[in-house]
């Protein structure tokens, strides 16, 4: 479920974390230091520093996995984003559905072999995922029609597609998660709903021109969907062709190699995980 209905709770907890980590925001790869658990019992994000290797700031954190931490042009440090770029020849993508929604530690225990994961589908008040989920060939839920997009795996190859541009017609899928809205289609930003837009924590999945999958999370206050779509479409160092917004707000969650952790405020029922091939 989209947690935008609880912005004050999310913002309050995030602002507590900002007091602790603000001194790190001016660094290229900031360390979001651990702190005592806040009142919500949700620990702050932890991003351990590493040495940058790539001229654009990408850091290799595992075989086939690179990380980059940056602030989009024109936005403040509170709109910082964490990007993980996956090489599909060396990393496999899988969707997982829990019998009951889990927080970060629960998902880590459930997926001990995973290199990392992010939260995926929106979900309803009964904590059931919205849209289609396909986990190792087993499908759950119904596809969106004339809405949103999907990250899928077919023949071991992951891709991001618009369900408006390319509707799902029931073809076999190995893995898939659906969400909304599409942010970038054919290199162009496509989200244009300023009246319904607001700043929030974000999770998104994108595909670049080389077929690499990019998972994005915002650890602090976040940004609007318009800002996110514009950033992903126009940053030449990302080279993004398609991008899809996933559940955000209190659901935003990240676990990745070398100690990158962003606990969600809410337990989530579906994650998109990546593994060594």
C-alpha atoms as a PDB file:
ATOM      1  CA  UNK A   1       0.000   0.000   0.000  1.00  0.00           C
ATOM      2  CA  UNK A   2       1.244   3.437  -0.771  1.00  0.00           C
ATOM      3  CA  UNK A   3       2.222   4.968   2.572  1.00  0.00           C
ATOM      4  CA  UNK A   4       1.804   8.602   1.462  1.00  0.00           C
ATOM      5  CA  UNK A   5      -1.215   8.742   3.775  1.00  0.00           C
ATOM      6  CA  UNK A   6       1.215   8.783   6.697  1.00  0.00           C
ATOM      7  CA  UNK A   7       3.739  11.443   5.626  1.00  0.00           C
ATOM      8  CA  UNK A   8       4.064  13.070   9.047  1.00  0.00           C
ATOM      9  CA  UNK A   9       5.049   9.810  10.740  1.00  0.00           C
ATOM     10  CA  UNK A  10       7.612   9.039   8.046  1.00  0.00           C
ATOM     11  CA  UNK A  11       8.966  12.585   7.975  1.00  0.00           C
ATOM     12  CA  UNK A  12       9.330  12.727  11.747  1.00  0.00           C
ATOM     13  CA  UNK A  13      11.380   9.551  11.887  1.00  0.00           C
ATOM     14  CA  UNK A  14      13.514  10.602   8.936  1.00  0.00           C
ATOM     15  CA  UNK A  15      14.233  14.020  10.449  1.00  0.00           C
ATOM     16  CA  UNK A  16      15.514  12.284  13.585  1.00  0.00           C
ATOM     17  CA  UNK A  17      17.951  10.351  11.403  1.00  0.00           C
ATOM     18  CA  UNK A  18      18.989  13.541   9.570  1.00  0.00           C
ATOM     19  CA  UNK A  19      20.229  15.096  12.788  1.00  0.00           C
ATOM     20  CA  UNK A  20      22.596  12.158  13.184  1.00  0.00           C
ATOM     21  CA  UNK A  21      23.802  11.908   9.597  1.00  0.00           C
ATOM     22  CA  UNK A  22      23.706  15.483   8.347  1.00  0.00           C
ATOM     23  CA  UNK A  23      27.451  15.966   8.746  1.00  0.00           C
ATOM     24  CA  UNK A  24      28.040  13.192   6.197  1.00  0.00           C
ATOM     25  CA  UNK A  25      25.880  14.588   3.395  1.00  0.00           C
ATOM     26  CA  UNK A  26      28.679  16.620   1.788  1.00  0.00           C
ATOM     27  CA  UNK A  27      30.814  13.529   1.122  1.00  0.00           C
ATOM     28  CA  UNK A  28      30.726  11.694  -2.194  1.00  0.00           C
ATOM     29  CA  UNK A  29      29.860   8.363  -0.564  1.00  0.00           C
ATOM     30  CA  UNK A  30      28.423   9.285   2.845  1.00  0.00           C
ATOM     31  CA  UNK A  31      28.404   6.968   5.841  1.00  0.00           C
ATOM     32  CA  UNK A  32      24.968   7.020   7.432  1.00  0.00           C
ATOM     33  CA  UNK A  33      26.089   6.153  10.939  1.00  0.00           C
ATOM     34  CA  UNK A  34      24.130   3.723  13.150  1.00  0.00           C
ATOM     35  CA  UNK A  35      22.269   5.271  16.075  1.00  0.00           C
ATOM     36  CA  UNK A  36      20.079   4.096  18.944  1.00  0.00           C
ATOM     37  CA  UNK A  37      16.682   2.862  17.702  1.00  0.00           C
ATOM     38  CA  UNK A  38      14.139   5.711  17.422  1.00  0.00           C
ATOM     39  CA  UNK A  39      10.657   5.513  18.879  1.00  0.00           C
ATOM     40  CA  UNK A  40       9.436   3.579  15.809  1.00  0.00           C
ATOM     41  CA  UNK A  41      12.031   0.811  16.484  1.00  0.00           C
ATOM     42  CA  UNK A  42      13.226   1.344  12.901  1.00  0.00           C
ATOM     43  CA  UNK A  43      17.039   1.755  12.696  1.00  0.00           C
ATOM     44  CA  UNK A  44      18.524   4.397  10.392  1.00  0.00           C
ATOM     45  CA  UNK A  45      20.043   3.679   7.017  1.00  0.00           C
ATOM     46  CA  UNK A  46      23.622   2.392   7.003  1.00  0.00           C
ATOM     47  CA  UNK A  47      25.839   2.928   3.965  1.00  0.00           C
ATOM     48  CA  UNK A  48      29.449   1.947   4.540  1.00  0.00           C
ATOM     49  CA  UNK A  49      32.079   4.013   2.679  1.00  0.00           C
ATOM     50  CA  UNK A  50      34.164   2.397  -0.046  1.00  0.00           C
ATOM     51  CA  UNK A  51      36.674   3.681  -2.578  1.00  0.00           C
ATOM     52  CA  UNK A  52      35.258   5.027  -5.836  1.00  0.00           C
ATOM     53  CA  UNK A  53      36.597   3.255  -8.910  1.00  0.00           C
ATOM     54  CA  UNK A  54      34.548   4.526 -11.853  1.00  0.00           C
ATOM     55  CA  UNK A  55      34.922   8.149 -13.105  1.00  0.00           C
ATOM     56  CA  UNK A  56      31.151   8.602 -12.728  1.00  0.00           C
ATOM     57  CA  UNK A  57      31.300   7.456  -9.112  1.00  0.00           C
ATOM     58  CA  UNK A  58      30.218   3.822  -9.484  1.00  0.00           C
ATOM     59  CA  UNK A  59      31.783   1.534  -6.888  1.00  0.00           C
ATOM     60  CA  UNK A  60      32.052  -2.237  -7.356  1.00  0.00           C
ATOM     61  CA  UNK A  61      30.580  -3.791  -4.207  1.00  0.00           C
ATOM     62  CA  UNK A  62      30.221  -7.386  -5.480  1.00  0.00           C
ATOM     63  CA  UNK A  63      30.811  -9.267  -8.711  1.00  0.00           C
ATOM     64  CA  UNK A  64      28.335  -7.725 -11.148  1.00  0.00           C
ATOM     65  CA  UNK A  65      27.027  -5.156  -8.638  1.00  0.00           C
ATOM     66  CA  UNK A  66      28.001  -1.473  -8.559  1.00  0.00           C
ATOM     67  CA  UNK A  67      26.823   1.242  -6.194  1.00  0.00           C
ATOM     68  CA  UNK A  68      26.604   5.007  -6.612  1.00  0.00           C
ATOM     69  CA  UNK A  69      25.388   7.622  -4.125  1.00  0.00           C
ATOM     70  CA  UNK A  70      24.549  11.096  -5.437  1.00  0.00           C
ATOM     71  CA  UNK A  71      22.242  14.089  -5.206  1.00  0.00           C
ATOM     72  CA  UNK A  72      20.387  15.008  -8.432  1.00  0.00           C
ATOM     73  CA  UNK A  73      21.242  18.418  -9.887  1.00  0.00           C
ATOM     74  CA  UNK A  74      19.039  21.210  -8.590  1.00  0.00           C
ATOM     75  CA  UNK A  75      17.962  19.332  -5.441  1.00  0.00           C
ATOM     76  CA  UNK A  76      19.245  19.443  -1.871  1.00  0.00           C
ATOM     77  CA  UNK A  77      21.250  16.771  -0.079  1.00  0.00           C
ATOM     78  CA  UNK A  78      18.003  15.613   1.505  1.00  0.00           C
ATOM     79  CA  UNK A  79      17.072  14.243  -1.958  1.00  0.00           C
ATOM     80  CA  UNK A  80      20.088  11.932  -2.039  1.00  0.00           C
ATOM     81  CA  UNK A  81      19.680   8.683  -4.016  1.00  0.00           C
ATOM     82  CA  UNK A  82      21.386   5.301  -3.709  1.00  0.00           C
ATOM     83  CA  UNK A  83      21.739   3.390  -6.986  1.00  0.00           C
ATOM     84  CA  UNK A  84      22.735  -0.242  -7.459  1.00  0.00           C
ATOM     85  CA  UNK A  85      23.564  -1.279 -11.022  1.00  0.00           C
ATOM     86  CA  UNK A  86      23.310  -5.003 -11.807  1.00  0.00           C
ATOM     87  CA  UNK A  87      25.047  -6.835 -14.651  1.00  0.00           C
ATOM     88  CA  UNK A  88      22.490  -9.478 -15.782  1.00  0.00           C
ATOM     89  CA  UNK A  89      25.267 -11.741 -17.058  1.00  0.00           C
ATOM     90  CA  UNK A  90      26.630 -12.096 -13.530  1.00  0.00           C
ATOM     91  CA  UNK A  91      23.616 -11.361 -11.343  1.00  0.00           C
ATOM     92  CA  UNK A  92      20.169 -13.012 -11.355  1.00  0.00           C
ATOM     93  CA  UNK A  93      16.964 -11.166 -10.426  1.00  0.00           C
ATOM     94  CA  UNK A  94      14.132 -12.890  -8.523  1.00  0.00           C
ATOM     95  CA  UNK A  95      10.813 -11.844  -6.986  1.00  0.00           C
ATOM     96  CA  UNK A  96       9.758 -13.193  -3.590  1.00  0.00           C
ATOM     97  CA  UNK A  97       6.397 -13.131  -1.807  1.00  0.00           C
ATOM     98  CA  UNK A  98       6.206 -13.692   1.957  1.00  0.00           C
ATOM     99  CA  UNK A  99       3.371 -15.530   3.700  1.00  0.00           C
ATOM    100  CA  UNK A 100       3.177 -12.446   5.937  1.00  0.00           C
ATOM    101  CA  UNK A 101       4.836  -9.049   5.360  1.00  0.00           C
ATOM    102  CA  UNK A 102       8.375  -8.792   6.694  1.00  0.00           C
ATOM    103  CA  UNK A 103      10.768  -6.056   7.723  1.00  0.00           C
ATOM    104  CA  UNK A 104      14.396  -5.926   6.619  1.00  0.00           C
ATOM    105  CA  UNK A 105      15.761  -8.417   9.164  1.00  0.00           C
ATOM    106  CA  UNK A 106      12.944 -10.844   8.407  1.00  0.00           C
ATOM    107  CA  UNK A 107      13.719 -10.722   4.699  1.00  0.00           C
ATOM    108  CA  UNK A 108      17.442 -11.201   5.381  1.00  0.00           C
ATOM    109  CA  UNK A 109      16.628 -14.342   7.364  1.00  0.00           C
ATOM    110  CA  UNK A 110      14.245 -15.573   4.654  1.00  0.00           C
ATOM    111  CA  UNK A 111      16.751 -14.948   1.825  1.00  0.00           C
ATOM    112  CA  UNK A 112      20.193 -15.849   3.219  1.00  0.00           C
ATOM    113  CA  UNK A 113      21.679 -16.402  -0.259  1.00  0.00           C
ATOM    114  CA  UNK A 114      20.557 -13.051  -1.677  1.00  0.00           C
ATOM    115  CA  UNK A 115      23.194 -10.410  -2.345  1.00  0.00           C
ATOM    116  CA  UNK A 116      20.524  -7.785  -1.781  1.00  0.00           C
ATOM    117  CA  UNK A 117      16.919  -6.732  -2.280  1.00  0.00           C
ATOM    118  CA  UNK A 118      14.491  -3.798  -2.430  1.00  0.00           C
ATOM    119  CA  UNK A 119      10.777  -3.626  -1.744  1.00  0.00           C
ATOM    120  CA  UNK A 120       8.538  -4.088  -4.787  1.00  0.00           C
ATOM    121  CA  UNK A 121       4.744  -4.009  -5.347  1.00  0.00           C
ATOM    122  CA  UNK A 122       2.216  -1.723  -3.732  1.00  0.00           C
ATOM    123  CA  UNK A 123      -0.230  -3.630  -1.496  1.00  0.00           C
ATOM    124  CA  UNK A 124      -3.785  -3.228  -0.239  1.00  0.00           C
ATOM    125  CA  UNK A 125      -5.234  -2.926   3.277  1.00  0.00           C
ATOM    126  CA  UNK A 126      -5.320  -6.706   3.540  1.00  0.00           C
ATOM    127  CA  UNK A 127      -1.542  -6.665   2.853  1.00  0.00           C
ATOM    128  CA  UNK A 128      -2.000  -8.398  -0.488  1.00  0.00           C
ATOM    129  CA  UNK A 129       0.256  -7.218  -3.363  1.00  0.00           C
ATOM    130  CA  UNK A 130      -1.387  -5.145  -6.075  1.00  0.00           C
ATOM    131  CA  UNK A 131      -0.753  -6.077  -9.688  1.00  0.00           C
ATOM    132  CA  UNK A 132       0.959  -9.237 -10.847  1.00  0.00           C
ATOM    133  CA  UNK A 133       3.804 -10.986  -9.042  1.00  0.00           C
ATOM    134  CA  UNK A 134       5.620 -13.952 -10.598  1.00  0.00           C
ATOM    135  CA  UNK A 135       8.076 -15.785  -8.372  1.00  0.00           C
ATOM    136  CA  UNK A 136      10.025 -18.654  -9.969  1.00  0.00           C
ATOM    137  CA  UNK A 137       7.216 -19.114 -12.517  1.00  0.00           C
ATOM    138  CA  UNK A 138       4.342 -19.078  -9.983  1.00  0.00           C
ATOM    139  CA  UNK A 139       1.925 -16.179 -10.563  1.00  0.00           C
ATOM    140  CA  UNK A 140      -0.029 -14.284  -7.923  1.00  0.00           C
ATOM    141  CA  UNK A 141      -2.559 -11.501  -8.522  1.00  0.00           C
ATOM    142  CA  UNK A 142      -3.903  -9.843 -11.656  1.00  0.00           C
ATOM    143  CA  UNK A 143      -2.063  -7.729 -14.183  1.00  0.00           C
ATOM    144  CA  UNK A 144      -2.629  -3.988 -14.372  1.00  0.00           C
ATOM    145  CA  UNK A 145      -4.477  -2.874 -17.508  1.00  0.00           C
ATOM    146  CA  UNK A 146      -3.713   0.507 -19.092  1.00  0.00           C
ATOM    147  CA  UNK A 147      -1.617   1.375 -16.092  1.00  0.00           C
ATOM    148  CA  UNK A 148       1.939   1.163 -14.787  1.00  0.00           C
ATOM    149  CA  UNK A 149       4.737  -1.135 -15.767  1.00  0.00           C
ATOM    150  CA  UNK A 150       6.597  -4.300 -14.942  1.00  0.00           C
ATOM    151  CA  UNK A 151      10.095  -5.570 -14.329  1.00  0.00           C
ATOM    152  CA  UNK A 152      10.296  -9.109 -15.661  1.00  0.00           C
ATOM    153  CA  UNK A 153      12.677 -11.987 -16.291  1.00  0.00           C
ATOM    154  CA  UNK A 154      12.243 -14.136 -19.411  1.00  0.00           C
ATOM    155  CA  UNK A 155      14.884 -16.661 -20.475  1.00  0.00           C
ATOM    156  CA  UNK A 156      17.071 -15.437 -17.650  1.00  0.00           C
ATOM    157  CA  UNK A 157      17.107 -11.899 -19.084  1.00  0.00           C
ATOM    158  CA  UNK A 158      15.607  -9.064 -16.988  1.00  0.00           C
ATOM    159  CA  UNK A 159      13.890  -6.048 -18.506  1.00  0.00           C
ATOM    160  CA  UNK A 160      11.611  -3.146 -17.597  1.00  0.00           C
ATOM    161  CA  UNK A 161       8.534  -2.496 -19.726  1.00  0.00           C
ATOM    162  CA  UNK A 162       5.533  -0.168 -19.853  1.00  0.00           C
ATOM    163  CA  UNK A 163       2.191  -1.974 -19.579  1.00  0.00           C
ATOM    164  CA  UNK A 164       0.592   0.795 -21.630  1.00  0.00           C
ATOM    165  CA  UNK A 165       3.152   0.541 -24.425  1.00  0.00           C
ATOM    166  CA  UNK A 166       3.351  -3.268 -24.178  1.00  0.00           C
ATOM    167  CA  UNK A 167       0.383  -4.813 -22.292  1.00  0.00           C
ATOM    168  CA  UNK A 168       0.863  -8.143 -20.562  1.00  0.00           C
ATOM    169  CA  UNK A 169      -1.114 -10.814 -22.430  1.00  0.00           C
ATOM    170  CA  UNK A 170      -0.355 -13.852 -20.285  1.00  0.00           C
ATOM    171  CA  UNK A 171       2.958 -14.928 -21.795  1.00  0.00           C
ATOM    172  CA  UNK A 172       5.154 -17.138 -19.559  1.00  0.00           C
ATOM    173  CA  UNK A 173       7.344 -15.236 -17.123  1.00  0.00           C
ATOM    174  CA  UNK A 174      10.038 -16.515 -14.790  1.00  0.00           C
ATOM    175  CA  UNK A 175       9.974 -13.510 -12.466  1.00  0.00           C
ATOM    176  CA  UNK A 176       7.935 -10.297 -12.439  1.00  0.00           C
ATOM    177  CA  UNK A 177       6.660  -7.475 -10.268  1.00  0.00           C
ATOM    178  CA  UNK A 178       4.248  -4.758 -11.354  1.00  0.00           C
ATOM    179  CA  UNK A 179       3.841  -1.223 -10.028  1.00  0.00           C
ATOM    180  CA  UNK A 180       3.070   2.332 -11.154  1.00  0.00           C
ATOM    181  CA  UNK A 181       3.651   4.820 -12.595  1.00  0.00           C
ATOM    182  CA  UNK A 182       6.187   4.469 -15.353  1.00  0.00           C
ATOM    183  CA  UNK A 183       8.765   7.237 -14.962  1.00  0.00           C
ATOM    184  CA  UNK A 184      10.799   6.904 -18.164  1.00  0.00           C
ATOM    185  CA  UNK A 185       9.800   5.337 -21.498  1.00  0.00           C
ATOM    186  CA  UNK A 186      12.166   5.415 -24.466  1.00  0.00           C
ATOM    187  CA  UNK A 187      14.520   7.789 -22.594  1.00  0.00           C
ATOM    188  CA  UNK A 188      11.718  10.338 -22.086  1.00  0.00           C
ATOM    189  CA  UNK A 189      10.199  11.308 -18.710  1.00  0.00           C
ATOM    190  CA  UNK A 190       6.526  10.324 -18.833  1.00  0.00           C
ATOM    191  CA  UNK A 191       5.140  11.152 -15.386  1.00  0.00           C
ATOM    192  CA  UNK A 192       3.300  14.475 -15.507  1.00  0.00           C
ATOM    193  CA  UNK A 193       0.809  14.734 -12.630  1.00  0.00           C
ATOM    194  CA  UNK A 194       1.932  17.736 -10.550  1.00  0.00           C
ATOM    195  CA  UNK A 195      -1.386  18.060  -8.692  1.00  0.00           C
ATOM    196  CA  UNK A 196      -1.033  14.578  -7.187  1.00  0.00           C
ATOM    197  CA  UNK A 197       2.721  14.698  -6.644  1.00  0.00           C
ATOM    198  CA  UNK A 198       4.568  15.214  -3.370  1.00  0.00           C
ATOM    199  CA  UNK A 199       7.962  14.627  -1.817  1.00  0.00           C
ATOM    200  CA  UNK A 200       8.390  11.131  -0.387  1.00  0.00           C
ATOM    201  CA  UNK A 201      10.916   8.351   0.011  1.00  0.00           C
ATOM    202  CA  UNK A 202      11.186   6.421  -3.256  1.00  0.00           C
ATOM    203  CA  UNK A 203      12.068   3.001  -4.628  1.00  0.00           C
ATOM    204  CA  UNK A 204      12.410   2.511  -8.388  1.00  0.00           C
ATOM    205  CA  UNK A 205      13.795   0.077 -10.954  1.00  0.00           C
ATOM    206  CA  UNK A 206      15.320   1.082 -14.297  1.00  0.00           C
ATOM    207  CA  UNK A 207      17.064  -0.401 -17.329  1.00  0.00           C
ATOM    208  CA  UNK A 208      19.897   1.265 -19.233  1.00  0.00           C
ATOM    209  CA  UNK A 209      20.847   0.952 -22.900  1.00  0.00           C
ATOM    210  CA  UNK A 210      23.213  -1.947 -22.127  1.00  0.00           C
ATOM    211  CA  UNK A 211      20.445  -3.963 -20.485  1.00  0.00           C
ATOM    212  CA  UNK A 212      21.743  -3.432 -16.959  1.00  0.00           C
ATOM    213  CA  UNK A 213      19.166  -3.144 -14.190  1.00  0.00           C
ATOM    214  CA  UNK A 214      19.407  -0.197 -11.798  1.00  0.00           C
ATOM    215  CA  UNK A 215      17.686  -0.297  -8.395  1.00  0.00           C
ATOM    216  CA  UNK A 216      17.154   3.116  -6.789  1.00  0.00           C
ATOM    217  CA  UNK A 217      16.232   4.071  -3.236  1.00  0.00           C
ATOM    218  CA  UNK A 218      16.172   7.402  -1.403  1.00  0.00           C
ATOM    219  CA  UNK A 219      17.423   7.155   2.205  1.00  0.00           C
ATOM    220  CA  UNK A 220      16.336  10.580   3.462  1.00  0.00           C
ATOM    221  CA  UNK A 221      13.307  12.757   2.644  1.00  0.00           C
ATOM    222  CA  UNK A 222      13.217  11.723  -1.027  1.00  0.00           C
ATOM    223  CA  UNK A 223      11.732  13.667  -3.926  1.00  0.00           C
ATOM    224  CA  UNK A 224       8.609  14.057  -6.050  1.00  0.00           C
ATOM    225  CA  UNK A 225       7.818  11.644  -8.875  1.00  0.00           C
ATOM    226  CA  UNK A 226       8.278  14.476 -11.376  1.00  0.00           C
ATOM    227  CA  UNK A 227      11.741  15.179  -9.984  1.00  0.00           C
ATOM    228  CA  UNK A 228      12.620  11.487 -10.027  1.00  0.00           C
ATOM    229  CA  UNK A 229      11.431  10.991 -13.617  1.00  0.00           C
ATOM    230  CA  UNK A 230      13.326  14.061 -14.801  1.00  0.00           C
ATOM    231  CA  UNK A 231      16.519  12.989 -13.043  1.00  0.00           C
ATOM    232  CA  UNK A 232      16.443   9.434 -14.398  1.00  0.00           C
ATOM    233  CA  UNK A 233      15.695  10.546 -17.955  1.00  0.00           C
ATOM    234  CA  UNK A 234      18.231  13.354 -18.205  1.00  0.00           C
ATOM    235  CA  UNK A 235      21.322  12.241 -16.291  1.00  0.00           C
ATOM    236  CA  UNK A 236      23.679  11.184 -19.128  1.00  0.00           C
ATOM    237  CA  UNK A 237      25.847   9.090 -16.825  1.00  0.00           C
ATOM    238  CA  UNK A 238      22.908   6.759 -16.098  1.00  0.00           C
ATOM    239  CA  UNK A 239      21.848   6.186 -19.735  1.00  0.00           C
ATOM    240  CA  UNK A 240      18.363   5.017 -18.688  1.00  0.00           C
ATOM    241  CA  UNK A 241      15.841   3.880 -21.310  1.00  0.00           C
ATOM    242  CA  UNK A 242      12.994   2.644 -19.044  1.00  0.00           C
ATOM    243  CA  UNK A 243      12.228   3.331 -15.388  1.00  0.00           C
ATOM    244  CA  UNK A 244       9.366   2.232 -13.134  1.00  0.00           C
ATOM    245  CA  UNK A 245       8.329   3.581  -9.742  1.00  0.00           C
ATOM    246  CA  UNK A 246       7.881   0.924  -7.049  1.00  0.00           C
ATOM    247  CA  UNK A 247       6.175   1.280  -3.656  1.00  0.00           C
ATOM    248  CA  UNK A 248       7.741   4.072  -1.607  1.00  0.00           C
ATOM    249  CA  UNK A 249       7.097   6.101   1.521  1.00  0.00           C
ATOM    250  CA  UNK A 250       7.156   3.869   4.573  1.00  0.00           C
ATOM    251  CA  UNK A 251       7.720   0.791   2.388  1.00  0.00           C
ATOM    252  CA  UNK A 252      11.083   1.882   0.933  1.00  0.00           C
ATOM    253  CA  UNK A 253      13.629  -0.789   1.872  1.00  0.00           C
ATOM    254  CA  UNK A 254      17.161  -1.659   0.756  1.00  0.00           C
ATOM    255  CA  UNK A 255      19.698  -4.329   1.570  1.00  0.00           C
ATOM    256  CA  UNK A 256      22.868  -4.575  -0.538  1.00  0.00           C
ATOM    257  CA  UNK A 257      26.527  -5.728  -0.332  1.00  0.00           C
ATOM    258  CA  UNK A 258      29.098  -4.131   1.959  1.00  0.00           C
ATOM    259  CA  UNK A 259      26.660  -3.105   4.623  1.00  0.00           C
ATOM    260  CA  UNK A 260      24.143  -0.972   2.728  1.00  0.00           C
ATOM    261  CA  UNK A 261      20.906  -1.119   4.715  1.00  0.00           C
ATOM    262  CA  UNK A 262      17.781   1.021   4.599  1.00  0.00           C
ATOM    263  CA  UNK A 263      15.056  -0.446   6.828  1.00  0.00           C
ATOM    264  CA  UNK A 264      11.464   0.274   5.926  1.00  0.00           C
ATOM    265  CA  UNK A 265       9.008   1.810   8.373  1.00  0.00           C
ATOM    266  CA  UNK A 266       6.447  -0.828   7.390  1.00  0.00           C
ATOM    267  CA  UNK A 267       6.692  -4.554   6.777  1.00  0.00           C
ATOM    268  CA  UNK A 268       6.368  -5.419   3.073  1.00  0.00           C
ATOM    269  CA  UNK A 269       5.034  -8.590   1.388  1.00  0.00           C
ATOM    270  CA  UNK A 270       7.108  -8.588  -1.835  1.00  0.00           C
ATOM    271  CA  UNK A 271      10.770  -7.898  -2.601  1.00  0.00           C
ATOM    272  CA  UNK A 272      12.891  -7.852  -5.723  1.00  0.00           C
ATOM    273  CA  UNK A 273      16.132  -9.664  -4.861  1.00  0.00           C
ATOM    274  CA  UNK A 274      19.400 -10.267  -6.703  1.00  0.00           C
ATOM    275  CA  UNK A 275      21.782 -13.211  -6.535  1.00  0.00           C
ATOM    276  CA  UNK A 276      25.138 -14.372  -7.861  1.00  0.00           C
ATOM    277  CA  UNK A 277      24.721 -16.489 -10.980  1.00  0.00           C
END
